[in-house]
Amino acid sequence: MINFTAAAPTAGDLDVRWIHGTAPGAANTSPAFAVHAYDPHTYVLRQSKAASYEAPFVYLLFGNERAILLDTGATKDSPLRSIVDDLVTDWLERNPREEYGLVVAHTHGHGDHVAGDGLFADRPGTTVVAREVEVVREFFGFSDWPSEIVAFDLGGRVLDVTGIPGHHPASIAIYDPWSGFLLSGDTVYPGRLYAFDFPEFVASLDRLVEFASARTVTYVMGCHIEMSGRPGRDYPIGSAYQPDEPPIQMTVGQLRAVRDAARSVAAKPGVHRFDDFIIYNGPCRAAVTRQLIRTMWRRASRREGAAP
């Protein structure tokens, strides 16, 4: 049995250059998913931008009795099932067990995080948690949603789970004491933070800062990268090539900055730019339209040979 409490959080490796898309005119040779072992029991995966411009991150955590896969990507026909099967097989070769389960859950229920659920529907020993908030509450055992903190045991590796609606009604945050990761889904990441219910979004960020402050957090890990290396500058929606993107991992200090920024614009619907993220307060349809125009202009410029 692996002791997931001694020496936690463990020192892992995030020295990785994520596949960030293919340069215009170049042949795409990137794999469907980049797979990175943070430590022998913690994997971070990123879907290729060739499959979906969303390029979401997916997390696989192993415990003594079962593993949890958080999110299934943005496409229905990806090789994620075979990748996960291989990772589970390799892990079990190093850590033999007679029986071992897999839970497929989600940081939240938007389509780019649940599209691959069907790949796991017939997998033996697997539970796929549906996207609806009622199902999420029942599965994890919430009696006081969203403020309650519930424990979810993978077998000695006990995760803390809490609700963080605002971006999506069923959004959750997960703290893993073993890695020190605070998995924040699409609520906090280096990109465009869409807050469809802004009062809920701010309340969730308030609780999330308090949640993080009471724990030893190594990194805040979201599900996308959309910012560039220039402060306050994001890549356009639909970008298939992001050569100057920042790392996925953020700090608790950056989490507090998101919370403080959200408080500061709570009464100001619209788009608000900050160095490491952009907050969308409300639907912001005009801003999204401008983003799409920006994308089309950028693509046209590349076709004409202009600099990106």
Protein backbone atom coordinates (compact mmCIF):
# COMPACT_ATOMS: atom_id res chain seq x y z
CA MET A 1 0.00 0.00 0.00
CA ILE A 2 1.26 3.45 -0.90
CA ASN A 3 1.38 5.96 1.93
CA PHE A 4 -0.22 9.08 0.45
CA THR A 5 0.01 11.06 3.68
CA ALA A 6 3.71 10.79 4.56
CA ALA A 7 5.88 13.56 3.10
CA ALA A 8 2.89 15.16 1.42
CA PRO A 9 2.83 17.23 -0.63
CA THR A 10 5.34 15.37 -2.71
CA ALA A 11 7.87 17.10 -4.93
CA GLY A 12 6.79 16.57 -8.52
CA ASP A 13 7.88 17.76 -11.94
CA LEU A 14 6.13 20.46 -13.97
CA ASP A 15 9.15 21.30 -16.10
CA VAL A 16 7.23 20.69 -19.30
CA ARG A 17 6.72 22.56 -22.54
CA TRP A 18 3.15 21.78 -23.52
CA ILE A 19 2.25 21.15 -27.14
CA HIS A 20 0.79 24.49 -28.12
CA GLY A 21 -0.32 23.92 -31.69
CA THR A 22 1.25 23.79 -35.11
CA ALA A 23 2.75 26.77 -36.90
CA PRO A 24 0.88 27.88 -40.03
CA GLY A 25 2.04 25.88 -43.04
CA ALA A 26 3.79 23.22 -40.94
CA ALA A 27 2.72 19.60 -40.87
CA ASN A 28 0.98 18.54 -37.68
CA THR A 29 2.95 15.81 -35.95
CA SER A 30 1.71 16.34 -32.41
CA PRO A 31 0.03 13.48 -30.54
CA ALA A 32 -3.67 13.67 -29.74
CA PHE A 33 -2.81 14.14 -26.07
CA ALA A 34 0.40 15.20 -24.39
CA VAL A 35 0.90 13.06 -21.28
CA HIS A 36 3.09 14.25 -18.42
CA ALA A 37 3.83 12.42 -15.17
CA TYR A 38 4.00 14.95 -12.35
CA ASP A 39 4.94 12.04 -10.11
CA PRO A 40 4.38 8.25 -10.42
CA HIS A 41 0.78 8.60 -9.22
CA THR A 42 -0.27 11.92 -10.81
CA TYR A 43 -0.68 12.62 -14.52
CA VAL A 44 -1.48 15.83 -16.37
CA LEU A 45 -2.70 15.52 -19.96
CA ARG A 46 -3.43 18.15 -22.57
CA GLN A 47 -5.51 17.58 -25.67
CA SER A 48 -3.95 18.69 -28.93
CA LYS A 49 -5.01 21.95 -30.53
CA ALA A 50 -5.24 20.00 -33.77
CA ALA A 51 -8.20 18.14 -32.24
CA SER A 52 -9.81 21.20 -30.63
CA TYR A 53 -8.67 24.77 -30.22
CA GLU A 54 -9.89 24.51 -26.61
CA ALA A 55 -6.94 22.16 -25.88
CA PRO A 56 -8.28 21.29 -22.42
CA PHE A 57 -6.19 19.79 -19.66
CA VAL A 58 -7.23 16.47 -18.09
CA TYR A 59 -6.04 15.08 -14.76
CA LEU A 60 -5.54 11.45 -13.70
CA LEU A 61 -4.89 10.70 -10.01
CA PHE A 62 -4.13 7.22 -8.66
CA GLY A 63 -5.01 5.97 -5.18
CA ASN A 64 -4.62 2.56 -3.60
CA GLU A 65 -8.12 1.39 -4.52
CA ARG A 66 -9.13 3.48 -7.53
CA ALA A 67 -8.12 6.31 -9.79
CA ILE A 68 -10.06 9.40 -10.79
CA LEU A 69 -10.03 10.95 -14.25
CA LEU A 70 -11.12 14.57 -14.19
CA ASP A 71 -12.66 15.56 -17.53
CA THR A 72 -12.65 13.69 -20.83
CA GLY A 73 -11.73 16.35 -23.36
CA ALA A 74 -13.42 18.21 -26.18
CA THR A 75 -13.98 15.48 -28.78
CA LYS A 76 -15.98 12.26 -28.87
CA ASP A 77 -13.54 10.20 -30.91
CA SER A 78 -10.21 10.82 -29.17
CA PRO A 79 -7.78 8.07 -28.05
CA LEU A 80 -8.18 9.14 -24.39
CA ARG A 81 -9.66 5.77 -23.40
CA SER A 82 -6.67 3.82 -24.72
CA ILE A 83 -4.25 6.33 -23.18
CA VAL A 84 -5.90 6.01 -19.77
CA ASP A 85 -6.06 2.22 -20.09
CA ASP A 86 -2.33 2.12 -20.81
CA LEU A 87 -1.54 4.41 -17.87
CA VAL A 88 -3.68 2.28 -15.54
CA THR A 89 -2.05 -0.92 -16.83
CA ASP A 90 1.43 0.51 -16.33
CA TRP A 91 0.54 1.72 -12.83
CA LEU A 92 -0.86 -1.68 -11.87
CA GLU A 93 2.28 -3.40 -13.13
CA ARG A 94 4.24 -1.29 -10.66
CA ASN A 95 1.58 -1.52 -7.93
CA PRO A 96 -0.25 -4.86 -8.38
CA ARG A 97 -3.85 -5.18 -7.12
CA GLU A 98 -6.47 -7.80 -7.76
CA GLU A 99 -9.17 -5.21 -8.36
CA TYR A 100 -8.91 -1.56 -9.28
CA GLY A 101 -11.60 0.98 -10.13
CA LEU A 102 -11.81 4.16 -12.14
CA VAL A 103 -14.06 7.16 -11.55
CA VAL A 104 -14.62 9.52 -14.47
CA ALA A 105 -15.78 12.86 -13.08
CA HIS A 106 -15.61 16.48 -14.22
CA THR A 107 -14.39 19.84 -13.05
CA HIS A 108 -17.65 21.10 -14.61
CA GLY A 109 -20.13 20.12 -17.29
CA HIS A 110 -19.31 22.20 -20.37
CA GLY A 111 -18.98 20.30 -23.63
CA ASP A 112 -15.22 20.63 -24.00
CA HIS A 113 -14.81 18.74 -20.71
CA VAL A 114 -17.35 15.94 -21.12
CA ALA A 115 -17.27 15.10 -24.84
CA GLY A 116 -15.25 11.92 -24.32
CA ASP A 117 -17.50 10.46 -21.61
CA GLY A 118 -18.90 7.86 -24.01
CA LEU A 119 -15.43 6.37 -24.45
CA PHE A 120 -15.64 5.07 -20.87
CA ALA A 121 -19.29 3.99 -20.79
CA ASP A 122 -18.50 0.29 -21.24
CA ARG A 123 -15.19 0.20 -19.39
CA PRO A 124 -15.21 -2.48 -16.65
CA GLY A 125 -14.95 -1.25 -13.07
CA THR A 126 -15.66 2.31 -14.13
CA THR A 127 -18.15 4.88 -12.84
CA VAL A 128 -18.90 7.84 -15.10
CA VAL A 129 -20.41 10.75 -13.16
CA ALA A 130 -22.90 12.72 -15.25
CA ARG A 131 -22.54 16.48 -15.68
CA GLU A 132 -25.74 17.64 -13.95
CA VAL A 133 -25.36 19.39 -10.62
CA GLU A 134 -27.87 17.07 -8.91
CA VAL A 135 -25.80 14.04 -9.93
CA VAL A 136 -22.55 15.66 -8.83
CA ARG A 137 -23.99 16.57 -5.43
CA GLU A 138 -25.31 13.05 -4.86
CA PHE A 139 -22.19 11.25 -6.07
CA PHE A 140 -19.75 13.17 -3.88
CA GLY A 141 -22.16 13.27 -0.94
CA PHE A 142 -22.87 16.97 -0.60
CA SER A 143 -25.58 17.86 1.90
CA ASP A 144 -24.85 21.61 1.87
CA TRP A 145 -24.00 22.59 -1.69
CA PRO A 146 -21.86 24.44 -2.65
CA SER A 147 -20.10 25.57 0.53
CA GLU A 148 -19.55 22.16 2.10
CA ILE A 149 -16.16 20.46 1.84
CA VAL A 150 -16.49 16.71 1.34
CA ALA A 151 -13.85 13.97 1.32
CA PHE A 152 -13.44 11.61 -1.61
CA ASP A 153 -11.16 8.67 -0.89
CA LEU A 154 -9.21 7.01 -3.69
CA GLY A 155 -7.75 4.58 -1.16
CA GLY A 156 -5.42 6.42 1.19
CA ARG A 157 -5.35 9.41 -1.14
CA VAL A 158 -8.20 11.52 0.21
CA LEU A 159 -9.30 14.47 -1.89
CA ASP A 160 -11.13 17.53 -0.57
CA VAL A 161 -13.99 18.55 -2.86
CA THR A 162 -16.07 21.72 -2.73
CA GLY A 163 -18.52 23.49 -5.02
CA ILE A 164 -17.54 26.60 -6.97
CA PRO A 165 -20.51 27.50 -9.23
CA GLY A 166 -20.54 30.71 -11.25
CA HIS A 167 -18.84 29.57 -14.41
CA HIS A 168 -21.05 26.46 -14.48
CA PRO A 169 -23.71 25.30 -12.00
CA ALA A 170 -21.84 22.04 -11.29
CA SER A 171 -18.30 23.42 -11.07
CA ILE A 172 -16.16 21.86 -8.34
CA ALA A 173 -12.69 22.46 -6.97
CA ILE A 174 -10.56 19.57 -5.75
CA TYR A 175 -7.58 19.72 -3.44
CA ASP A 176 -5.19 16.77 -3.55
CA PRO A 177 -2.95 16.71 -0.46
CA TRP A 178 -0.50 14.29 -2.11
CA SER A 179 0.48 16.55 -5.02
CA GLY A 180 -0.67 19.77 -3.40
CA PHE A 181 -2.68 20.54 -6.53
CA LEU A 182 -5.77 22.71 -6.25
CA LEU A 183 -7.75 21.77 -9.35
CA SER A 184 -9.84 24.79 -10.29
CA GLY A 185 -11.41 23.82 -13.62
CA ASP A 186 -12.45 26.82 -15.69
CA THR A 187 -12.95 29.08 -12.66
CA VAL A 188 -9.27 30.02 -12.38
CA TYR A 189 -6.71 29.54 -15.14
CA PRO A 190 -4.45 31.72 -17.32
CA GLY A 191 -7.12 32.82 -19.75
CA ARG A 192 -10.63 34.12 -20.23
CA LEU A 193 -12.68 33.54 -17.09
CA TYR A 194 -16.34 33.45 -18.11
CA ALA A 195 -18.61 34.23 -15.16
CA PHE A 196 -22.18 33.61 -16.25
CA ASP A 197 -23.55 34.04 -12.72
CA PHE A 198 -21.32 36.75 -11.32
CA PRO A 199 -22.57 36.82 -7.71
CA GLU A 200 -22.03 33.05 -7.52
CA PHE A 201 -18.63 33.44 -9.18
CA VAL A 202 -17.44 35.97 -6.60
CA ALA A 203 -18.84 33.95 -3.71
CA SER A 204 -17.08 30.85 -5.03
CA LEU A 205 -13.79 32.71 -5.35
CA ASP A 206 -14.13 33.98 -1.78
CA ARG A 207 -14.60 30.41 -0.55
CA LEU A 208 -11.84 29.11 -2.81
CA VAL A 209 -9.30 31.57 -1.39
CA GLU A 210 -10.29 30.55 2.13
CA PHE A 211 -10.13 26.88 1.08
CA ALA A 212 -6.61 27.33 -0.35
CA SER A 213 -5.39 29.35 2.62
CA ALA A 214 -6.17 26.45 4.95
CA ARG A 215 -4.15 23.96 2.88
CA THR A 216 -0.64 23.49 1.53
CA VAL A 217 -1.18 24.28 -2.13
CA THR A 218 1.73 23.75 -4.49
CA TYR A 219 -0.06 24.86 -7.66
CA VAL A 220 -3.47 26.04 -8.78
CA MET A 221 -4.20 23.93 -11.85
CA GLY A 222 -6.89 24.98 -14.30
CA CYS A 223 -8.05 23.48 -17.57
CA HIS A 224 -6.94 25.86 -20.34
CA ILE A 225 -4.20 28.28 -21.37
CA GLU A 226 -5.40 31.28 -23.38
CA MET A 227 -3.05 34.08 -22.33
CA SER A 228 0.12 34.99 -24.19
CA GLY A 229 3.46 36.03 -22.76
CA ARG A 230 2.38 39.67 -22.92
CA PRO A 231 0.59 40.85 -19.76
CA GLY A 232 -3.12 41.23 -20.35
CA ARG A 233 -2.96 39.85 -23.89
CA ASP A 234 -4.79 36.65 -24.82
CA TYR A 235 -4.77 34.57 -27.96
CA PRO A 236 -7.94 34.97 -30.05
CA ILE A 237 -10.78 32.48 -29.62
CA GLY A 238 -10.14 29.56 -31.96
CA SER A 239 -6.35 29.92 -32.00
CA ALA A 240 -4.66 26.73 -33.14
CA TYR A 241 -1.13 27.99 -32.43
CA GLN A 242 0.01 29.59 -29.16
CA PRO A 243 3.83 29.63 -29.16
CA ASP A 244 4.20 32.19 -26.36
CA GLU A 245 1.74 30.89 -23.79
CA PRO A 246 2.45 30.88 -20.03
CA PRO A 247 2.49 27.68 -17.96
CA ILE A 248 -0.78 26.14 -16.81
CA GLN A 249 0.20 26.24 -13.13
CA MET A 250 -0.70 29.31 -11.12
CA THR A 251 -0.02 30.36 -7.54
CA VAL A 252 -2.29 30.99 -4.59
CA GLY A 253 -1.24 34.63 -4.94
CA GLN A 254 -2.67 34.63 -8.47
CA LEU A 255 -5.82 32.98 -7.16
CA ARG A 256 -6.20 35.85 -4.69
CA ALA A 257 -5.62 38.28 -7.55
CA VAL A 258 -8.48 36.70 -9.48
CA ARG A 259 -10.72 37.00 -6.41
CA ASP A 260 -9.74 40.63 -5.83
CA ALA A 261 -10.23 41.47 -9.50
CA ALA A 262 -13.66 39.82 -9.56
CA ARG A 263 -14.71 41.85 -6.52
CA SER A 264 -13.52 45.04 -8.18
CA VAL A 265 -15.62 44.52 -11.33
CA ALA A 266 -18.68 42.91 -9.76
CA ALA A 267 -20.85 45.92 -10.59
CA LYS A 268 -19.36 46.40 -14.06
CA PRO A 269 -20.67 43.97 -16.69
CA GLY A 270 -18.27 43.51 -19.57
CA VAL A 271 -14.71 42.41 -20.26
CA HIS A 272 -11.96 43.32 -17.80
CA ARG A 273 -8.30 42.65 -18.59
CA PHE A 274 -5.64 41.90 -15.99
CA ASP A 275 -2.06 40.74 -16.43
CA ASP A 276 -2.62 36.99 -15.98
CA PHE A 277 -6.31 36.57 -16.85
CA ILE A 278 -9.37 38.27 -18.32
CA ILE A 279 -12.75 38.35 -16.58
CA TYR A 280 -15.97 38.23 -18.57
CA ASN A 281 -18.76 39.56 -16.36
CA GLY A 282 -21.93 38.31 -18.03
CA PRO A 283 -22.54 37.01 -21.58
CA CYS A 284 -20.46 39.77 -23.23
CA ARG A 285 -21.77 38.84 -26.68
CA ALA A 286 -20.31 41.92 -28.37
CA ALA A 287 -16.87 41.15 -26.94
CA VAL A 288 -17.08 37.53 -28.09
CA THR A 289 -18.05 38.73 -31.57
CA ARG A 290 -15.02 41.03 -31.61
CA GLN A 291 -12.87 38.08 -30.54
CA LEU A 292 -14.15 36.01 -33.46
CA ILE A 293 -13.46 38.87 -35.88
CA ARG A 294 -9.98 39.12 -34.41
CA THR A 295 -9.52 35.38 -35.05
CA MET A 296 -10.63 35.63 -38.67
CA TRP A 297 -8.35 38.61 -39.28
CA ARG A 298 -5.40 36.77 -37.76
CA ARG A 299 -6.00 33.70 -39.91
CA ALA A 300 -6.36 35.81 -43.04
CA SER A 301 -3.13 37.65 -42.25
CA ARG A 302 -1.30 34.36 -41.91
CA ARG A 303 -2.62 33.08 -45.21
CA GLU A 304 -1.26 36.23 -46.83
CA GLY A 305 2.12 35.64 -45.23
CA ALA A 306 1.94 38.36 -42.59
CA ALA A 307 3.59 37.93 -39.22
CA PRO A 308 1.33 36.24 -36.59
